């Protein structure tokens, strides 16, 4: 049996690459908040938020990046929703953000504070550290 305790890392506000989780219901609203270069990259990858387990790496300056990943339902996640990301992302700390722009507007929150981030640290091609 796998000991998941060694895979959990507390989110202490450390610098991390954000992973935005979207689904078919939240993608369009989330996309409206993104810069033109992100939209062009999403279009080039034909990313529409509807295909589960699909993701796109959105490059930033220097070695920074953001990731957007489609899941079936952002309100009902399981470890399997993120399994492919752990294998596919470059090494480094990441932080999960479940996007719900409607909730953000009603709560008056900014995109980065709308949901409690979850730490996910990718340490190798086959392992990810997470907490939630």
N, C-alpha and C. Protein backbone atom coordinates (compact mmCIF):
# COMPACT_ATOMS: atom_id res chain seq x y z
N UNK A 1 0.84 -1.17 0.00
CA UNK A 1 0.00 0.00 0.00
C UNK A 1 0.89 1.24 0.00
N UNK A 2 0.49 2.26 -0.74
CA UNK A 2 1.24 3.50 -0.82
C UNK A 2 1.02 4.33 0.44
N UNK A 3 2.11 4.86 0.98
CA UNK A 3 2.03 5.75 2.14
C UNK A 3 1.87 7.18 1.63
N UNK A 4 0.64 7.69 1.63
CA UNK A 4 0.37 9.01 1.10
C UNK A 4 0.86 10.14 2.00
N UNK A 5 1.20 9.84 3.25
CA UNK A 5 1.70 10.88 4.15
C UNK A 5 2.96 11.52 3.60
N UNK A 6 3.80 10.74 2.93
CA UNK A 6 5.03 11.30 2.38
C UNK A 6 4.75 12.16 1.15
N UNK A 7 3.54 12.09 0.60
CA UNK A 7 3.19 12.88 -0.57
C UNK A 7 2.51 14.19 -0.22
N UNK A 8 2.16 14.40 1.04
CA UNK A 8 1.44 15.60 1.44
C UNK A 8 2.39 16.68 1.92
N UNK A 9 2.21 17.87 1.40
CA UNK A 9 3.02 19.01 1.78
C UNK A 9 2.07 20.15 2.13
N UNK A 10 2.23 20.73 3.29
CA UNK A 10 1.36 21.83 3.70
C UNK A 10 1.58 23.06 2.84
N UNK A 11 0.50 23.76 2.52
CA UNK A 11 0.60 25.01 1.79
C UNK A 11 0.85 26.11 2.80
N UNK A 12 2.04 26.65 2.76
CA UNK A 12 2.42 27.72 3.69
C UNK A 12 2.66 29.03 2.96
N UNK A 13 1.99 29.17 1.83
CA UNK A 13 2.13 30.40 1.06
C UNK A 13 3.43 30.50 0.29
N UNK A 14 4.13 29.40 0.13
CA UNK A 14 5.40 29.42 -0.60
C UNK A 14 5.13 29.74 -2.08
N UNK A 15 6.16 30.23 -2.74
CA UNK A 15 6.05 30.55 -4.16
C UNK A 15 5.78 29.25 -4.92
N UNK A 16 4.77 29.28 -5.77
CA UNK A 16 4.39 28.07 -6.51
C UNK A 16 3.73 28.48 -7.83
N UNK A 17 3.81 27.59 -8.79
CA UNK A 17 3.15 27.78 -10.07
C UNK A 17 1.67 27.44 -9.90
N UNK A 18 0.75 28.35 -10.26
CA UNK A 18 -0.67 28.04 -10.10
C UNK A 18 -1.17 27.04 -11.13
N UNK A 19 -2.02 26.14 -10.66
CA UNK A 19 -2.75 25.22 -11.54
C UNK A 19 -4.22 25.62 -11.42
N UNK A 20 -4.80 26.07 -12.51
CA UNK A 20 -6.20 26.47 -12.54
C UNK A 20 -7.03 25.28 -13.01
N UNK A 21 -7.93 24.81 -12.16
CA UNK A 21 -8.81 23.71 -12.52
C UNK A 21 -10.12 24.29 -13.04
N UNK A 22 -10.49 23.89 -14.25
CA UNK A 22 -11.74 24.35 -14.86
C UNK A 22 -12.53 23.14 -15.33
N UNK A 23 -13.82 23.34 -15.53
CA UNK A 23 -14.66 22.31 -16.13
C UNK A 23 -15.49 22.97 -17.23
N UNK A 24 -16.35 22.20 -17.86
CA UNK A 24 -17.11 22.74 -18.99
C UNK A 24 -17.99 23.92 -18.58
N UNK A 25 -18.39 23.99 -17.32
CA UNK A 25 -19.25 25.08 -16.86
C UNK A 25 -18.48 26.33 -16.47
N UNK A 26 -17.23 26.20 -16.09
CA UNK A 26 -16.48 27.36 -15.61
C UNK A 26 -15.45 27.88 -16.61
N UNK A 27 -15.16 27.11 -17.65
CA UNK A 27 -14.07 27.49 -18.55
C UNK A 27 -14.29 28.84 -19.23
N UNK A 28 -15.46 29.08 -19.80
CA UNK A 28 -15.68 30.32 -20.55
C UNK A 28 -15.50 31.55 -19.66
N UNK A 29 -16.06 31.52 -18.46
CA UNK A 29 -15.89 32.66 -17.55
C UNK A 29 -14.44 32.83 -17.14
N UNK A 30 -13.74 31.71 -16.89
CA UNK A 30 -12.32 31.78 -16.53
C UNK A 30 -11.52 32.38 -17.70
N UNK A 31 -11.81 31.93 -18.91
CA UNK A 31 -11.07 32.40 -20.09
C UNK A 31 -11.22 33.90 -20.29
N UNK A 32 -12.35 34.47 -19.91
CA UNK A 32 -12.57 35.91 -20.04
C UNK A 32 -11.62 36.72 -19.18
N UNK A 33 -11.04 36.11 -18.17
CA UNK A 33 -10.12 36.82 -17.28
C UNK A 33 -8.67 36.72 -17.73
N UNK A 34 -8.41 35.99 -18.80
CA UNK A 34 -7.03 35.71 -19.22
C UNK A 34 -6.54 36.71 -20.26
N UNK A 35 -5.23 36.95 -20.31
CA UNK A 35 -4.67 37.84 -21.33
C UNK A 35 -4.73 37.21 -22.73
N UNK A 36 -4.59 38.06 -23.73
CA UNK A 36 -4.71 37.63 -25.13
C UNK A 36 -3.73 36.51 -25.48
N UNK A 37 -2.50 36.58 -24.96
CA UNK A 37 -1.52 35.54 -25.30
C UNK A 37 -1.94 34.18 -24.75
N UNK A 38 -2.59 34.15 -23.58
CA UNK A 38 -3.11 32.89 -23.05
C UNK A 38 -4.22 32.35 -23.94
N UNK A 39 -5.13 33.24 -24.36
CA UNK A 39 -6.23 32.81 -25.21
C UNK A 39 -5.74 32.24 -26.53
N UNK A 40 -4.70 32.87 -27.09
CA UNK A 40 -4.13 32.36 -28.34
C UNK A 40 -3.53 30.97 -28.15
N UNK A 41 -2.83 30.78 -27.03
CA UNK A 41 -2.23 29.48 -26.75
C UNK A 41 -3.31 28.41 -26.51
N UNK A 42 -4.35 28.77 -25.77
CA UNK A 42 -5.45 27.83 -25.52
C UNK A 42 -6.13 27.45 -26.84
N UNK A 43 -6.32 28.43 -27.70
CA UNK A 43 -6.94 28.15 -29.01
C UNK A 43 -6.04 27.25 -29.85
N UNK A 44 -4.73 27.51 -29.84
CA UNK A 44 -3.79 26.69 -30.61
C UNK A 44 -3.80 25.24 -30.15
N UNK A 45 -4.02 25.03 -28.84
CA UNK A 45 -4.08 23.67 -28.29
C UNK A 45 -5.49 23.09 -28.34
N UNK A 46 -6.43 23.87 -28.86
CA UNK A 46 -7.84 23.45 -28.92
C UNK A 46 -8.37 23.09 -27.53
N UNK A 47 -7.92 23.82 -26.54
CA UNK A 47 -8.34 23.58 -25.17
C UNK A 47 -9.65 24.30 -24.93
N UNK A 48 -10.68 23.55 -24.55
CA UNK A 48 -12.00 24.15 -24.34
C UNK A 48 -12.57 23.88 -22.94
N UNK A 49 -11.78 23.22 -22.08
CA UNK A 49 -12.24 22.94 -20.73
C UNK A 49 -13.20 21.77 -20.63
N UNK A 50 -13.50 21.14 -21.74
CA UNK A 50 -14.49 20.05 -21.75
C UNK A 50 -13.86 18.66 -21.74
N UNK A 51 -12.64 18.56 -22.21
CA UNK A 51 -11.97 17.26 -22.30
C UNK A 51 -11.22 17.00 -21.01
N UNK A 52 -11.69 16.04 -20.23
CA UNK A 52 -11.05 15.73 -18.96
C UNK A 52 -9.61 15.31 -19.13
N UNK A 53 -8.79 15.68 -18.18
CA UNK A 53 -7.36 15.37 -18.11
C UNK A 53 -6.52 16.15 -19.11
N UNK A 54 -7.13 17.02 -19.92
CA UNK A 54 -6.35 17.86 -20.83
C UNK A 54 -5.79 19.03 -20.02
N UNK A 55 -4.61 19.48 -20.38
CA UNK A 55 -4.02 20.63 -19.71
C UNK A 55 -3.13 21.39 -20.66
N UNK A 56 -2.89 22.65 -20.34
CA UNK A 56 -2.00 23.50 -21.13
C UNK A 56 -1.10 24.25 -20.15
N UNK A 57 0.19 24.27 -20.45
CA UNK A 57 1.15 25.05 -19.68
C UNK A 57 1.20 26.45 -20.29
N UNK A 58 0.96 27.45 -19.46
CA UNK A 58 0.97 28.84 -19.90
C UNK A 58 2.26 29.48 -19.40
N UNK A 59 3.22 29.71 -20.30
CA UNK A 59 4.51 30.25 -19.88
C UNK A 59 4.41 31.69 -19.40
N UNK A 60 5.25 32.03 -18.47
CA UNK A 60 5.37 33.38 -17.94
C UNK A 60 6.82 33.79 -18.08
N UNK A 61 7.21 34.86 -17.43
CA UNK A 61 8.59 35.33 -17.52
C UNK A 61 9.55 34.34 -16.84
N UNK A 62 10.76 34.31 -17.36
CA UNK A 62 11.84 33.45 -16.82
C UNK A 62 11.37 32.01 -16.67
N UNK A 63 11.49 31.45 -15.48
CA UNK A 63 11.12 30.05 -15.28
C UNK A 63 9.74 29.90 -14.64
N UNK A 64 8.92 30.93 -14.73
CA UNK A 64 7.58 30.87 -14.16
C UNK A 64 6.59 30.33 -15.19
N UNK A 65 5.53 29.72 -14.68
CA UNK A 65 4.49 29.19 -15.55
C UNK A 65 3.19 29.08 -14.77
N UNK A 66 2.09 28.96 -15.50
CA UNK A 66 0.79 28.62 -14.95
C UNK A 66 0.29 27.43 -15.74
N UNK A 67 -0.63 26.70 -15.16
CA UNK A 67 -1.22 25.54 -15.83
C UNK A 67 -2.72 25.66 -15.73
N UNK A 68 -3.41 25.33 -16.80
CA UNK A 68 -4.86 25.19 -16.74
C UNK A 68 -5.17 23.73 -17.08
N UNK A 69 -6.02 23.12 -16.28
CA UNK A 69 -6.34 21.71 -16.47
C UNK A 69 -7.85 21.52 -16.41
N UNK A 70 -8.37 20.74 -17.33
CA UNK A 70 -9.80 20.43 -17.36
C UNK A 70 -10.09 19.21 -16.50
N UNK A 71 -11.13 19.32 -15.70
CA UNK A 71 -11.62 18.19 -14.90
C UNK A 71 -13.11 18.07 -15.16
N UNK A 72 -13.70 16.95 -14.82
CA UNK A 72 -15.12 16.74 -15.06
C UNK A 72 -15.97 17.72 -14.26
N UNK A 73 -15.61 17.93 -12.98
CA UNK A 73 -16.40 18.80 -12.11
C UNK A 73 -15.47 19.39 -11.05
N UNK A 74 -15.28 20.70 -11.08
CA UNK A 74 -14.36 21.33 -10.13
C UNK A 74 -14.85 21.24 -8.70
N UNK A 75 -16.12 20.97 -8.51
CA UNK A 75 -16.68 20.86 -7.16
C UNK A 75 -16.59 19.45 -6.59
N UNK A 76 -16.21 18.48 -7.42
CA UNK A 76 -16.15 17.09 -6.98
C UNK A 76 -14.87 16.45 -7.52
N UNK A 77 -13.77 16.69 -6.81
CA UNK A 77 -12.47 16.19 -7.26
C UNK A 77 -12.08 14.92 -6.51
N UNK A 78 -11.31 14.09 -7.19
CA UNK A 78 -10.71 12.92 -6.57
C UNK A 78 -9.22 12.97 -6.90
N UNK A 79 -8.39 12.17 -6.23
CA UNK A 79 -6.97 12.15 -6.58
C UNK A 79 -6.73 11.80 -8.05
N UNK A 80 -7.64 11.04 -8.65
CA UNK A 80 -7.45 10.63 -10.04
C UNK A 80 -7.60 11.82 -11.00
N UNK A 81 -8.31 12.86 -10.58
CA UNK A 81 -8.46 14.05 -11.42
C UNK A 81 -7.11 14.72 -11.67
N UNK A 82 -6.17 14.52 -10.76
CA UNK A 82 -4.87 15.19 -10.84
C UNK A 82 -3.72 14.24 -11.16
N UNK A 83 -4.00 12.95 -11.28
CA UNK A 83 -2.94 11.96 -11.46
C UNK A 83 -2.08 12.24 -12.68
N UNK A 84 -2.70 12.58 -13.80
CA UNK A 84 -1.93 12.82 -15.03
C UNK A 84 -1.03 14.05 -14.89
N UNK A 85 -1.50 15.05 -14.16
CA UNK A 85 -0.67 16.25 -13.96
C UNK A 85 0.62 15.91 -13.23
N UNK A 86 0.53 15.07 -12.21
CA UNK A 86 1.73 14.69 -11.46
C UNK A 86 2.79 14.05 -12.34
N UNK A 87 2.36 13.33 -13.35
CA UNK A 87 3.29 12.68 -14.28
C UNK A 87 3.80 13.64 -15.35
N UNK A 88 3.03 14.66 -15.68
CA UNK A 88 3.28 15.46 -16.88
C UNK A 88 3.93 16.81 -16.66
N UNK A 89 3.77 17.39 -15.49
CA UNK A 89 4.30 18.73 -15.26
C UNK A 89 5.79 18.72 -14.97
N UNK A 90 6.46 19.82 -15.28
CA UNK A 90 7.87 19.92 -14.90
C UNK A 90 7.99 19.96 -13.38
N UNK A 91 9.17 19.60 -12.89
CA UNK A 91 9.40 19.62 -11.44
C UNK A 91 9.23 21.02 -10.89
N UNK A 92 8.80 21.07 -9.65
CA UNK A 92 8.67 22.35 -8.97
C UNK A 92 7.36 22.45 -8.23
N UNK A 93 7.28 23.38 -7.28
CA UNK A 93 6.07 23.53 -6.49
C UNK A 93 4.93 24.15 -7.30
N UNK A 94 3.74 23.65 -7.09
CA UNK A 94 2.54 24.18 -7.75
C UNK A 94 1.45 24.35 -6.71
N UNK A 95 0.44 25.12 -7.05
CA UNK A 95 -0.66 25.39 -6.13
C UNK A 95 -1.98 25.29 -6.89
N UNK A 96 -2.91 24.49 -6.39
CA UNK A 96 -4.20 24.30 -7.07
C UNK A 96 -5.15 25.45 -6.79
N UNK A 97 -5.86 25.86 -7.84
CA UNK A 97 -6.91 26.87 -7.73
C UNK A 97 -8.12 26.37 -8.48
N UNK A 98 -9.20 26.12 -7.77
CA UNK A 98 -10.45 25.73 -8.43
C UNK A 98 -11.16 27.00 -8.82
N UNK A 99 -11.36 27.16 -10.12
CA UNK A 99 -11.90 28.41 -10.62
C UNK A 99 -13.42 28.40 -10.67
N UNK A 100 -14.00 29.42 -10.13
CA UNK A 100 -15.44 29.64 -10.21
C UNK A 100 -15.66 31.14 -10.28
N UNK A 101 -15.53 31.73 -11.47
CA UNK A 101 -15.64 33.19 -11.60
C UNK A 101 -16.94 33.75 -11.04
N UNK A 102 -18.04 33.03 -11.16
CA UNK A 102 -19.32 33.53 -10.63
C UNK A 102 -19.22 33.68 -9.12
N UNK A 103 -18.61 32.71 -8.46
CA UNK A 103 -18.42 32.79 -7.02
C UNK A 103 -17.48 33.93 -6.67
N UNK A 104 -16.46 34.14 -7.47
CA UNK A 104 -15.50 35.20 -7.21
C UNK A 104 -16.19 36.55 -7.27
N UNK A 105 -17.02 36.77 -8.30
CA UNK A 105 -17.71 38.05 -8.45
C UNK A 105 -18.66 38.28 -7.28
N UNK A 106 -19.40 37.23 -6.90
CA UNK A 106 -20.38 37.41 -5.83
C UNK A 106 -19.69 37.62 -4.48
N UNK A 107 -18.50 37.07 -4.32
CA UNK A 107 -17.79 37.21 -3.05
C UNK A 107 -16.86 38.42 -3.06
N UNK A 108 -16.71 39.06 -4.23
CA UNK A 108 -15.82 40.20 -4.32
C UNK A 108 -14.36 39.82 -4.23
N UNK A 109 -14.03 38.59 -4.60
CA UNK A 109 -12.65 38.10 -4.50
C UNK A 109 -11.92 38.29 -5.81
N UNK A 110 -10.61 38.38 -5.73
CA UNK A 110 -9.80 38.38 -6.95
C UNK A 110 -9.59 36.94 -7.37
N UNK A 111 -9.11 36.77 -8.58
CA UNK A 111 -8.91 35.43 -9.13
C UNK A 111 -7.98 34.61 -8.26
N UNK A 112 -6.97 35.21 -7.70
CA UNK A 112 -5.97 34.43 -6.96
C UNK A 112 -6.40 34.08 -5.54
N UNK A 113 -7.45 34.73 -5.02
CA UNK A 113 -7.84 34.46 -3.65
C UNK A 113 -9.23 33.86 -3.55
N UNK A 114 -9.82 33.48 -4.66
CA UNK A 114 -11.20 33.00 -4.63
C UNK A 114 -11.35 31.65 -3.95
N UNK A 115 -10.32 30.86 -3.98
CA UNK A 115 -10.40 29.56 -3.32
C UNK A 115 -9.10 29.32 -2.59
N UNK A 116 -9.17 28.51 -1.56
CA UNK A 116 -7.96 28.21 -0.80
C UNK A 116 -7.02 27.39 -1.68
N UNK A 117 -5.82 27.88 -1.94
CA UNK A 117 -4.89 27.12 -2.76
C UNK A 117 -4.51 25.81 -2.09
N UNK A 118 -4.16 24.87 -2.91
CA UNK A 118 -3.73 23.57 -2.44
C UNK A 118 -2.33 23.34 -2.98
N UNK A 119 -1.41 22.98 -2.13
CA UNK A 119 -0.04 22.77 -2.57
C UNK A 119 0.09 21.43 -3.28
N UNK A 120 0.77 21.43 -4.39
CA UNK A 120 1.06 20.21 -5.13
C UNK A 120 2.47 20.37 -5.62
N UNK A 121 3.37 19.58 -5.11
CA UNK A 121 4.78 19.71 -5.48
C UNK A 121 5.18 18.53 -6.34
N UNK A 122 5.51 18.80 -7.59
CA UNK A 122 5.95 17.76 -8.49
C UNK A 122 7.44 17.57 -8.30
N UNK A 123 7.83 16.35 -7.92
CA UNK A 123 9.24 16.11 -7.63
C UNK A 123 9.90 15.17 -8.63
N UNK A 124 9.13 14.47 -9.40
CA UNK A 124 9.68 13.61 -10.43
C UNK A 124 8.59 13.35 -11.46
N UNK A 125 8.92 12.65 -12.50
CA UNK A 125 7.94 12.36 -13.55
C UNK A 125 6.81 11.49 -13.03
N UNK A 126 6.99 10.77 -11.93
CA UNK A 126 5.98 9.83 -11.47
C UNK A 126 5.43 10.10 -10.09
N UNK A 127 5.80 11.22 -9.47
CA UNK A 127 5.33 11.46 -8.11
C UNK A 127 4.91 12.92 -7.96
N UNK A 128 3.90 13.15 -7.18
CA UNK A 128 3.47 14.51 -6.87
C UNK A 128 3.17 14.59 -5.39
N UNK A 129 3.45 15.74 -4.80
CA UNK A 129 3.13 15.97 -3.40
C UNK A 129 1.93 16.88 -3.37
N UNK A 130 0.94 16.59 -2.55
CA UNK A 130 -0.26 17.42 -2.51
C UNK A 130 -0.80 17.55 -1.11
N UNK A 131 -1.54 18.62 -0.90
CA UNK A 131 -2.29 18.75 0.35
C UNK A 131 -3.59 19.43 0.05
N UNK A 132 -4.62 19.10 0.78
CA UNK A 132 -5.90 19.80 0.66
C UNK A 132 -6.69 19.68 1.88
